[in-house]
C-alpha atoms as a PDB file:
ATOM      1  CA  MET A   1     -30.561  37.797   2.401  1.00  0.00           C
ATOM      2  CA  GLU A   2     -33.811  37.354   0.532  1.00  0.00           C
ATOM      3  CA  LEU A   3     -35.266  33.841   0.426  1.00  0.00           C
ATOM      4  CA  SER A   4     -35.035  33.714  -3.384  1.00  0.00           C
ATOM      5  CA  GLU A   5     -31.325  34.620  -3.220  1.00  0.00           C
ATOM      6  CA  ALA A   6     -30.713  32.008  -0.512  1.00  0.00           C
ATOM      7  CA  LEU A   7     -32.436  29.325  -2.576  1.00  0.00           C
ATOM      8  CA  ALA A   8     -30.374  30.359  -5.608  1.00  0.00           C
ATOM      9  CA  THR A   9     -27.244  29.853  -3.491  1.00  0.00           C
ATOM     10  CA  LEU A  10     -28.388  26.319  -2.582  1.00  0.00           C
ATOM     11  CA  ARG A  11     -28.953  25.589  -6.273  1.00  0.00           C
ATOM     12  CA  TYR A  12     -25.525  27.007  -7.156  1.00  0.00           C
ATOM     13  CA  PHE A  13     -23.915  24.826  -4.486  1.00  0.00           C
ATOM     14  CA  ASN A  14     -25.648  21.767  -5.927  1.00  0.00           C
ATOM     15  CA  ASP A  15     -24.656  22.697  -9.481  1.00  0.00           C
ATOM     16  CA  LYS A  16     -21.001  22.784  -8.415  1.00  0.00           C
ATOM     17  CA  VAL A  17     -21.335  19.434  -6.607  1.00  0.00           C
ATOM     18  CA  ASN A  18     -22.959  17.995  -9.718  1.00  0.00           C
ATOM     19  CA  HIS A  19     -19.971  19.231 -11.708  1.00  0.00           C
ATOM     20  CA  LEU A  20     -17.580  17.525  -9.263  1.00  0.00           C
ATOM     21  CA  ALA A  21     -19.556  14.308  -9.709  1.00  0.00           C
ATOM     22  CA  THR A  22     -18.796  14.319 -13.439  1.00  0.00           C
ATOM     23  CA  LEU A  23     -15.039  14.672 -13.028  1.00  0.00           C
ATOM     24  CA  GLN A  24     -12.634  11.821 -13.655  1.00  0.00           C
ATOM     25  CA  PHE A  25     -11.302  12.018 -10.084  1.00  0.00           C
ATOM     26  CA  THR A  26     -14.739  11.568  -8.520  1.00  0.00           C
ATOM     27  CA  LYS A  27     -15.636   8.726 -10.849  1.00  0.00           C
ATOM     28  CA  TYR A  28     -12.319   7.018 -10.104  1.00  0.00           C
ATOM     29  CA  VAL A  29     -12.558   7.212  -6.311  1.00  0.00           C
ATOM     30  CA  THR A  30     -16.180   6.065  -6.295  1.00  0.00           C
ATOM     31  CA  GLU A  31     -15.418   3.080  -8.531  1.00  0.00           C
ATOM     32  CA  HIS A  32     -12.088   1.971  -6.993  1.00  0.00           C
ATOM     33  CA  THR A  33     -10.787   1.168  -3.572  1.00  0.00           C
ATOM     34  CA  ILE A  34      -8.100   3.676  -2.759  1.00  0.00           C
ATOM     35  CA  SER A  35      -5.208   2.239  -0.806  1.00  0.00           C
ATOM     36  CA  THR A  36      -2.064   3.657   0.662  1.00  0.00           C
ATOM     37  CA  PRO A  37       1.227   2.151  -0.399  1.00  0.00           C
ATOM     38  CA  SER A  38       2.592  -0.128   2.267  1.00  0.00           C
ATOM     39  CA  LEU A  39       5.958   0.861   3.638  1.00  0.00           C
ATOM     40  CA  LEU A  40       8.685  -1.345   5.055  1.00  0.00           C
ATOM     41  CA  ALA A  41      11.800  -0.389   6.948  1.00  0.00           C
ATOM     42  CA  GLY A  42      13.860   1.806   4.696  1.00  0.00           C
ATOM     43  CA  GLU A  43      10.609   2.989   3.082  1.00  0.00           C
ATOM     44  CA  ARG A  44      10.510   0.341   0.385  1.00  0.00           C
ATOM     45  CA  PHE A  45       7.111  -0.296  -1.141  1.00  0.00           C
ATOM     46  CA  ILE A  46       5.578  -3.718  -0.820  1.00  0.00           C
ATOM     47  CA  GLU A  47       2.609  -2.604  -2.869  1.00  0.00           C
ATOM     48  CA  GLU A  48       1.833   0.405  -5.013  1.00  0.00           C
ATOM     49  CA  ALA A  49      -0.928   2.850  -4.210  1.00  0.00           C
ATOM     50  CA  VAL A  50      -4.150   2.689  -6.192  1.00  0.00           C
ATOM     51  CA  GLU A  51      -5.200   6.238  -6.987  1.00  0.00           C
ATOM     52  CA  PRO A  52      -6.313   8.604  -9.762  1.00  0.00           C
ATOM     53  CA  GLY A  53      -3.820  10.518 -11.868  1.00  0.00           C
ATOM     54  CA  GLN A  54      -2.419  13.986 -11.270  1.00  0.00           C
ATOM     55  CA  GLU A  55      -4.548  15.752 -13.890  1.00  0.00           C
ATOM     56  CA  ALA A  56      -7.700  14.286 -12.378  1.00  0.00           C
ATOM     57  CA  ILE A  57      -6.687  15.510  -8.925  1.00  0.00           C
ATOM     58  CA  GLU A  58      -5.882  19.003 -10.195  1.00  0.00           C
ATOM     59  CA  ALA A  59      -9.197  19.333 -12.039  1.00  0.00           C
ATOM     60  CA  PHE A  60     -11.094  18.202  -8.938  1.00  0.00           C
ATOM     61  CA  VAL A  61      -9.252  20.581  -6.612  1.00  0.00           C
ATOM     62  CA  LEU A  62      -9.939  23.522  -8.923  1.00  0.00           C
ATOM     63  CA  THR A  63     -13.673  23.190  -8.259  1.00  0.00           C
ATOM     64  CA  LEU A  64     -13.312  21.989  -4.658  1.00  0.00           C
ATOM     65  CA  ARG A  65     -11.857  25.374  -3.751  1.00  0.00           C
ATOM     66  CA  PHE A  66     -15.377  26.861  -4.122  1.00  0.00           C
ATOM     67  CA  PHE A  67     -16.386  24.826  -1.073  1.00  0.00           C
ATOM     68  CA  ILE A  68     -13.402  25.532   1.161  1.00  0.00           C
ATOM     69  CA  GLN A  69     -12.574  29.191   0.606  1.00  0.00           C
ATOM     70  CA  ASP A  70     -14.807  31.469   2.639  1.00  0.00           C
ATOM     71  CA  ASN A  71     -14.722  34.254   0.063  1.00  0.00           C
ATOM     72  CA  GLU A  72     -17.086  32.007  -1.930  1.00  0.00           C
ATOM     73  CA  PRO A  73     -20.815  32.101  -1.075  1.00  0.00           C
ATOM     74  CA  ILE A  74     -20.974  28.314  -1.376  1.00  0.00           C
ATOM     75  CA  SER A  75     -18.150  27.447   0.995  1.00  0.00           C
ATOM     76  CA  ILE A  76     -19.234  24.827   3.506  1.00  0.00           C
ATOM     77  CA  ARG A  77     -18.888  27.367   6.338  1.00  0.00           C
ATOM     78  CA  ASN A  78     -20.953  29.964   4.466  1.00  0.00           C
ATOM     79  CA  LEU A  79     -23.583  27.372   3.589  1.00  0.00           C
ATOM     80  CA  ALA A  80     -23.924  26.450   7.271  1.00  0.00           C
ATOM     81  CA  ALA A  81     -24.352  30.156   8.091  1.00  0.00           C
ATOM     82  CA  LEU A  82     -26.961  30.423   5.343  1.00  0.00           C
ATOM     83  CA  TYR A  83     -28.977  27.621   6.940  1.00  0.00           C
ATOM     84  CA  ASP A  84     -29.034  29.649  10.157  1.00  0.00           C
ATOM     85  CA  GLN A  85     -30.921  32.347   8.200  1.00  0.00           C
ATOM     86  CA  LEU A  86     -33.326  30.043   6.351  1.00  0.00           C
ATOM     87  CA  PRO A  87     -36.827  29.347   7.643  1.00  0.00           C
ATOM     88  CA  VAL A  88     -35.980  25.744   8.543  1.00  0.00           C
ATOM     89  CA  SER A  89     -36.259  23.841  11.798  1.00  0.00           C
ATOM     90  CA  GLU A  90     -33.596  23.918  14.484  1.00  0.00           C
ATOM     91  CA  GLU A  91     -33.196  20.190  13.821  1.00  0.00           C
ATOM     92  CA  ALA A  92     -32.271  20.941  10.191  1.00  0.00           C
ATOM     93  CA  ARG A  93     -29.761  23.568  11.315  1.00  0.00           C
ATOM     94  CA  ALA A  94     -28.267  21.106  13.795  1.00  0.00           C
ATOM     95  CA  LEU A  95     -27.891  18.486  11.052  1.00  0.00           C
ATOM     96  CA  VAL A  96     -26.050  20.990   8.868  1.00  0.00           C
ATOM     97  CA  ARG A  97     -23.737  22.048  11.703  1.00  0.00           C
ATOM     98  CA  GLY A  98     -23.176  18.400  12.654  1.00  0.00           C
ATOM     99  CA  THR A  99     -22.211  17.416   9.117  1.00  0.00           C
ATOM    100  CA  ARG A 100     -19.838  20.380   8.825  1.00  0.00           C
ATOM    101  CA  ASP A 101     -18.355  19.436  12.218  1.00  0.00           C
ATOM    102  CA  GLN A 102     -17.847  15.803  11.135  1.00  0.00           C
ATOM    103  CA  LEU A 103     -15.642  16.996   8.291  1.00  0.00           C
ATOM    104  CA  THR A 104     -13.702  19.195  10.696  1.00  0.00           C
ATOM    105  CA  VAL A 105     -13.169  16.228  13.033  1.00  0.00           C
ATOM    106  CA  ALA A 106     -11.949  14.079  10.128  1.00  0.00           C
ATOM    107  CA  LEU A 107      -9.462  16.758   9.062  1.00  0.00           C
ATOM    108  CA  ASP A 108      -8.318  17.301  12.665  1.00  0.00           C
ATOM    109  CA  SER A 109      -7.663  13.596  13.199  1.00  0.00           C
ATOM    110  CA  TYR A 110      -4.168  12.175  13.063  1.00  0.00           C
ATOM    111  CA  SER A 111      -2.977  10.308  10.008  1.00  0.00           C
ATOM    112  CA  PRO A 112      -0.945   7.117  10.418  1.00  0.00           C
ATOM    113  CA  LEU A 113       2.194   8.928   9.259  1.00  0.00           C
ATOM    114  CA  GLY A 114       4.683  10.879  11.292  1.00  0.00           C
ATOM    115  CA  ILE A 115       7.354  13.179   9.915  1.00  0.00           C
ATOM    116  CA  GLU A 116      10.070  15.057  11.723  1.00  0.00           C
ATOM    117  CA  GLY A 117       9.146  13.515  15.056  1.00  0.00           C
ATOM    118  CA  ARG A 118       5.399  14.185  15.028  1.00  0.00           C
ATOM    119  CA  ARG A 119       2.262  12.711  13.550  1.00  0.00           C
ATOM    120  CA  LEU A 120       0.545  14.675  10.842  1.00  0.00           C
ATOM    121  CA  ARG A 121      -3.123  15.571  10.884  1.00  0.00           C
ATOM    122  CA  TYR A 122      -5.153  14.994   7.722  1.00  0.00           C
ATOM    123  CA  GLY A 123      -5.978  18.719   7.570  1.00  0.00           C
ATOM    124  CA  GLU A 124      -2.288  19.596   7.626  1.00  0.00           C
ATOM    125  CA  ILE A 125      -1.637  17.188   4.762  1.00  0.00           C
ATOM    126  CA  PHE A 126      -4.625  18.618   2.880  1.00  0.00           C
ATOM    127  CA  ASP A 127      -3.518  22.234   3.344  1.00  0.00           C
ATOM    128  CA  THR A 128       0.089  21.481   2.449  1.00  0.00           C
ATOM    129  CA  PHE A 129      -0.887  19.711  -0.766  1.00  0.00           C
ATOM    130  CA  LEU A 130      -3.463  22.311  -1.726  1.00  0.00           C
ATOM    131  CA  TYR A 131      -1.668  25.534  -0.824  1.00  0.00           C
ATOM    132  CA  GLY A 132       1.921  24.363  -0.966  1.00  0.00           C
ATOM    133  CA  TRP A 133       1.888  22.272  -4.099  1.00  0.00           C
ATOM    134  CA  LEU A 134      -1.268  22.196  -6.222  1.00  0.00           C
ATOM    135  CA  ALA A 135      -2.533  25.752  -5.923  1.00  0.00           C
ATOM    136  CA  HIS A 136       0.904  27.317  -5.548  1.00  0.00           C
ATOM    137  CA  GLY A 137      -0.396  29.753  -2.998  1.00  0.00           C
ATOM    138  CA  ARG A 138       1.464  32.535  -1.324  1.00  0.00           C
ATOM    139  CA  ASP A 139       2.100  30.442   1.788  1.00  0.00           C
ATOM    140  CA  LYS A 140       5.874  30.113   1.774  1.00  0.00           C
ATOM    141  CA  GLU A 141       5.930  27.678   4.707  1.00  0.00           C
ATOM    142  CA  LYS A 142       3.526  25.276   2.996  1.00  0.00           C
ATOM    143  CA  ARG A 143       5.504  25.490  -0.251  1.00  0.00           C
ATOM    144  CA  GLU A 144       8.706  24.658   1.605  1.00  0.00           C
ATOM    145  CA  THR A 145       7.038  21.772   3.448  1.00  0.00           C
ATOM    146  CA  ALA A 146       5.631  20.383   0.195  1.00  0.00           C
ATOM    147  CA  SER A 147       9.071  20.694  -1.374  1.00  0.00           C
ATOM    148  CA  ARG A 148      10.653  18.697   1.480  1.00  0.00           C
ATOM    149  CA  TRP A 149       7.944  16.050   1.161  1.00  0.00           C
ATOM    150  CA  ARG A 150       8.437  15.797  -2.607  1.00  0.00           C
ATOM    151  CA  ALA A 151      12.174  15.271  -2.088  1.00  0.00           C
ATOM    152  CA  GLU A 152      11.344  11.819  -0.657  1.00  0.00           C
ATOM    153  CA  PRO A 153       9.297  10.145  -3.435  1.00  0.00           C
ATOM    154  CA  ARG A 154       8.158   7.102  -1.495  1.00  0.00           C
ATOM    155  CA  ARG A 155       6.969   9.090   1.484  1.00  0.00           C
ATOM    156  CA  PHE A 156       5.418  11.644  -0.870  1.00  0.00           C
ATOM    157  CA  ALA A 157       3.422   8.875  -2.583  1.00  0.00           C
ATOM    158  CA  TYR A 158       2.079   7.821   0.805  1.00  0.00           C
ATOM    159  CA  LEU A 159       1.219  11.417   1.740  1.00  0.00           C
ATOM    160  CA  ARG A 160      -0.455  11.921  -1.626  1.00  0.00           C
ATOM    161  CA  THR A 161      -2.726   8.971  -0.929  1.00  0.00           C
ATOM    162  CA  LEU A 162      -3.607  10.410   2.489  1.00  0.00           C
ATOM    163  CA  PHE A 163      -4.420  13.694   0.723  1.00  0.00           C
ATOM    164  CA  ILE A 164      -6.715  11.804  -1.652  1.00  0.00           C
ATOM    165  CA  MET A 165      -8.450  10.236   1.327  1.00  0.00           C
ATOM    166  CA  SER A 166      -9.108  13.757   2.640  1.00  0.00           C
ATOM    167  CA  LEU A 167     -10.599  14.679  -0.726  1.00  0.00           C
ATOM    168  CA  MET A 168     -12.892  11.686  -0.389  1.00  0.00           C
ATOM    169  CA  ASP A 169     -14.080  13.028   2.989  1.00  0.00           C
ATOM    170  CA  TYR A 170     -14.998  16.234   1.169  1.00  0.00           C
ATOM    171  CA  ILE A 171     -16.902  14.313  -1.497  1.00  0.00           C
ATOM    172  CA  GLU A 172     -18.937  12.499   1.135  1.00  0.00           C
ATOM    173  CA  THR A 173     -19.734  15.777   2.898  1.00  0.00           C
ATOM    174  CA  LEU A 174     -20.611  17.600  -0.314  1.00  0.00           C
ATOM    175  CA  TYR A 175     -22.901  14.784  -1.444  1.00  0.00           C
ATOM    176  CA  TRP A 176     -24.692  14.923   1.899  1.00  0.00           C
ATOM    177  CA  PHE A 177     -25.160  18.693   1.556  1.00  0.00           C
ATOM    178  CA  ARG A 178     -26.405  18.298  -2.004  1.00  0.00           C
ATOM    179  CA  ALA A 179     -29.108  15.854  -0.890  1.00  0.00           C
ATOM    180  CA  PHE A 180     -30.041  18.023   2.080  1.00  0.00           C
ATOM    181  CA  ASN A 181     -30.199  21.117  -0.142  1.00  0.00           C
ATOM    182  CA  GLU A 182     -32.532  19.296  -2.527  1.00  0.00           C
ATOM    183  CA  GLN A 183     -34.827  18.453   0.371  1.00  0.00           C
ATOM    184  CA  THR A 184     -34.692  22.048   1.617  1.00  0.00           C
ATOM    185  CA  LEU A 185     -35.356  23.450  -1.850  1.00  0.00           C
ATOM    186  CA  ALA A 186     -38.399  21.189  -2.227  1.00  0.00           C
ATOM    187  CA  GLU A 187     -39.747  22.323   1.162  1.00  0.00           C
ATOM    188  CA  LEU A 188     -39.147  26.056   0.665  1.00  0.00           C
ATOM    189  CA  SER A 189     -39.953  26.485  -3.039  1.00  0.00           C
END
């Protein structure tokens, strides 16, 4: 890839992050403390979750998919691969890989909630919400799982908040990449 095309990809990535920053979801989660609903025996709430509305989540996820689907040139994985081709230091490449890996670790970590005899990972919750409910993907298993989760409204509310927390991990990662891209663009332009 030519340097000018690579730099255009960094700018495109940043433009999409800038768009995410203007969305109601992003503004809400950066201005409010998001909390999970507390559950008691019998799954009765002792407090309600504080979170953005459904439309805000859906609008955010629509653009977030640019960063998570590898058929997009600005997916986080593709951006990390792009940095391996750029004339930047090995230290810069390591920072990019490390930041991408931090997100992977966060998504691979266990959530506080168990269902059907096992604890769920944040990435599993994320994928189930995204591809089984919000994006209505072709993944029948995720759709069925999301349907079972939705059948229990209190538990679903808790899972939804955990999903939102995963989205916040993405925001943090994308903001880091945006700043790093700006620095790289200034150095290479």
